[in-house]
Protein backbone atom coordinates (compact mmCIF):
# COMPACT_ATOMS: atom_id res chain seq x y z
CA MET A 1 117.33 99.87 100.18
CA LYS A 2 115.17 100.97 102.93
CA PHE A 3 112.03 99.84 101.05
CA LYS A 4 113.42 96.29 100.75
CA LYS A 5 114.74 96.61 104.29
CA ILE A 6 118.33 95.72 103.31
CA ALA A 7 120.55 96.48 106.46
CA PRO A 8 123.98 98.11 105.50
CA SER A 9 127.08 97.58 107.23
CA LYS A 10 129.13 100.78 107.93
CA TYR A 11 132.75 101.18 106.85
CA ARG A 12 134.10 104.43 108.32
CA GLN A 13 131.50 106.98 107.14
CA ALA A 14 130.04 104.96 104.25
CA TYR A 15 127.14 102.39 104.21
CA LEU A 16 127.82 99.24 102.38
CA TYR A 17 125.08 96.89 100.99
CA ALA A 18 125.56 93.43 100.05
CA MET A 19 124.32 92.51 96.56
CA GLY A 20 123.99 88.70 96.96
CA ASN A 21 126.54 87.92 94.46
CA GLY A 22 129.76 88.54 96.13
CA MET A 23 129.58 92.26 95.32
CA ILE A 24 128.85 95.25 97.56
CA MET A 25 127.79 98.84 96.67
CA SER A 26 127.78 101.98 98.48
CA PHE A 27 125.78 105.30 97.44
CA LEU A 28 128.46 108.13 97.12
CA ASP A 29 125.83 110.87 96.77
CA GLU A 30 122.29 111.10 95.35
CA ASN A 31 123.60 110.28 91.87
CA THR A 32 126.56 108.06 92.29
CA LEU A 33 126.75 104.32 92.94
CA LEU A 34 130.08 102.49 93.71
CA PHE A 35 129.89 98.93 93.33
CA GLY A 36 132.65 95.93 93.14
CA ASP A 37 134.01 93.29 95.18
CA ASP A 38 134.75 94.24 98.96
CA SER A 39 138.28 94.91 98.61
CA ALA A 40 137.74 97.27 95.55
CA VAL A 41 135.03 99.22 97.10
CA LYS A 42 136.85 99.66 100.38
CA GLY A 43 139.84 100.63 98.49
CA SER A 44 138.11 103.09 96.52
CA LEU A 45 136.40 104.69 99.60
CA ASP A 46 139.79 104.82 101.10
CA ALA A 47 141.27 106.77 98.31
CA ARG A 48 138.11 109.10 98.35
CA ASP A 49 138.41 109.92 101.90
CA GLY A 50 142.23 110.34 101.80
CA TYR A 51 143.46 107.24 103.69
CA THR A 52 145.35 105.96 100.77
CA PRO A 53 146.95 107.59 97.52
CA THR A 54 144.75 108.41 94.71
CA LEU A 55 145.44 108.17 91.06
CA ASP A 56 146.04 111.94 91.02
CA SER A 57 148.85 111.59 93.17
CA ASN A 58 150.69 109.28 90.80
CA PRO A 59 152.22 111.48 88.01
CA GLN A 60 152.54 108.70 85.50
CA MET A 61 148.81 107.69 86.04
CA SER A 62 147.67 111.34 86.09
CA ASP A 63 149.39 111.84 82.77
CA MET A 64 147.73 108.87 81.21
CA MET A 65 144.29 109.84 82.62
CA SER A 66 144.48 113.23 80.82
CA SER A 67 144.34 111.35 77.45
CA VAL A 68 141.17 109.29 78.22
CA ASP A 69 139.21 111.18 80.77
CA GLY A 70 136.88 112.75 78.17
CA SER A 71 135.79 109.33 76.88
CA PRO A 72 132.61 107.67 78.20
CA VAL A 73 134.13 104.33 78.94
CA TRP A 74 137.94 104.27 79.99
CA SER A 75 140.61 102.78 81.85
CA LEU A 76 144.10 102.77 83.03
CA LEU A 77 146.62 100.04 84.06
CA ASP A 78 149.86 100.53 85.75
CA GLN A 79 152.85 98.61 84.88
CA GLN A 80 152.04 95.43 86.61
CA GLY A 81 148.48 95.51 85.43
CA THR A 82 149.70 96.10 81.67
CA GLN A 83 152.23 93.17 81.82
CA ASN A 84 149.37 90.93 83.09
CA MET A 85 146.87 92.04 80.53
CA MET A 86 149.32 91.75 77.63
CA ARG A 87 150.51 88.26 78.88
CA SER A 88 146.88 87.16 78.77
CA ALA A 89 145.92 88.98 75.40
CA LEU A 90 149.04 87.69 73.69
CA GLY A 91 148.78 84.02 74.71
CA ASP A 92 151.37 81.61 73.19
CA ALA A 93 153.29 84.59 71.76
CA THR A 94 154.53 85.39 75.32
CA LYS A 95 156.57 82.32 75.24
CA VAL A 96 159.17 83.78 72.53
CA ALA A 97 162.29 85.18 74.17
CA ASP A 98 161.72 88.80 73.26
CA TYR A 99 158.56 89.01 75.52
CA ASP A 100 160.56 88.77 78.65
CA THR A 101 162.64 91.64 77.66
CA VAL A 102 159.77 93.81 76.44
CA LYS A 103 157.52 92.92 79.40
CA LYS A 104 159.86 95.07 81.70
CA ARG A 105 159.69 97.95 79.45
CA LEU A 106 155.83 98.19 79.51
CA LEU A 107 155.08 101.19 81.57
CA GLY A 108 151.36 101.33 81.47
CA SER A 109 148.40 101.36 79.31
CA ARG A 110 145.12 103.00 78.63
CA TYR A 111 141.88 102.09 76.73
CA THR A 112 138.79 103.90 75.54
CA MET A 113 135.69 102.64 74.20
CA ASP A 114 133.58 104.61 71.70
CA PHE A 115 129.97 103.45 70.92
CA SER A 116 129.07 106.15 68.39
CA SER A 117 129.32 103.69 65.34
CA GLY A 118 129.34 100.13 66.68
CA VAL A 119 132.00 99.38 69.23
CA ASN A 120 135.52 100.86 68.86
CA PHE A 121 138.17 99.65 71.46
CA ASN A 122 141.33 101.93 71.30
CA LEU A 123 144.17 100.57 73.30
CA ASP A 124 147.60 102.40 74.00
CA VAL A 125 150.44 100.63 75.63
CA ILE A 126 153.01 102.95 76.85
CA THR A 127 156.72 101.71 76.41
CA SER A 128 160.16 102.86 77.70
CA ASP A 129 161.27 103.45 74.12
CA SER A 130 160.31 103.37 70.37
CA ILE A 131 162.46 99.91 69.88
CA THR A 132 160.22 98.33 72.63
CA ALA A 133 157.23 99.58 71.04
CA ALA A 134 158.06 98.01 67.77
CA THR A 135 158.95 94.72 69.27
CA MET A 136 155.55 94.81 71.19
CA SER A 137 153.92 95.51 67.99
CA SER A 138 155.43 92.59 66.20
CA LEU A 139 154.36 90.38 69.24
CA VAL A 140 150.91 91.71 69.07
CA LYS A 141 150.66 90.73 65.39
CA ALA A 142 152.16 87.28 66.11
CA GLY A 143 149.73 86.73 68.91
CA CYS A 144 146.93 87.64 66.77
CA SER A 145 148.19 85.24 64.07
CA THR A 146 148.52 82.29 66.58
CA ARG A 147 144.85 82.83 67.83
CA LYS A 148 143.44 82.85 64.26
């Protein structure tokens, strides 16, 4: 960055560099780069520096994290994020009456990706009970059928 004479802006103790495509980045240390849109990077820096709660302070998210943190690529979604993801993934299947009932019982989700033999995507959606899980399974099957 110094070589290319890219001047950073300062956010608390961090230096932020504009990437020219609406994204910004910051060096967390000599080996770690954080990048994303402005609010995501600043939110991450806020969490790192103790200005906002982290995932570790949320027991539900912390429990889900222990199941995925050994994977090279993983993600967690809270209740709202899971509802949005499932609405997007299921498409027209969300228009059935059961979905509105099920949606409220989706507690979170986690996924991992494994590249050891191709690409394997493993998604777990956490529900409040087994009946909701079974209904969600039926909705996913219906969603897959309508997309084909």
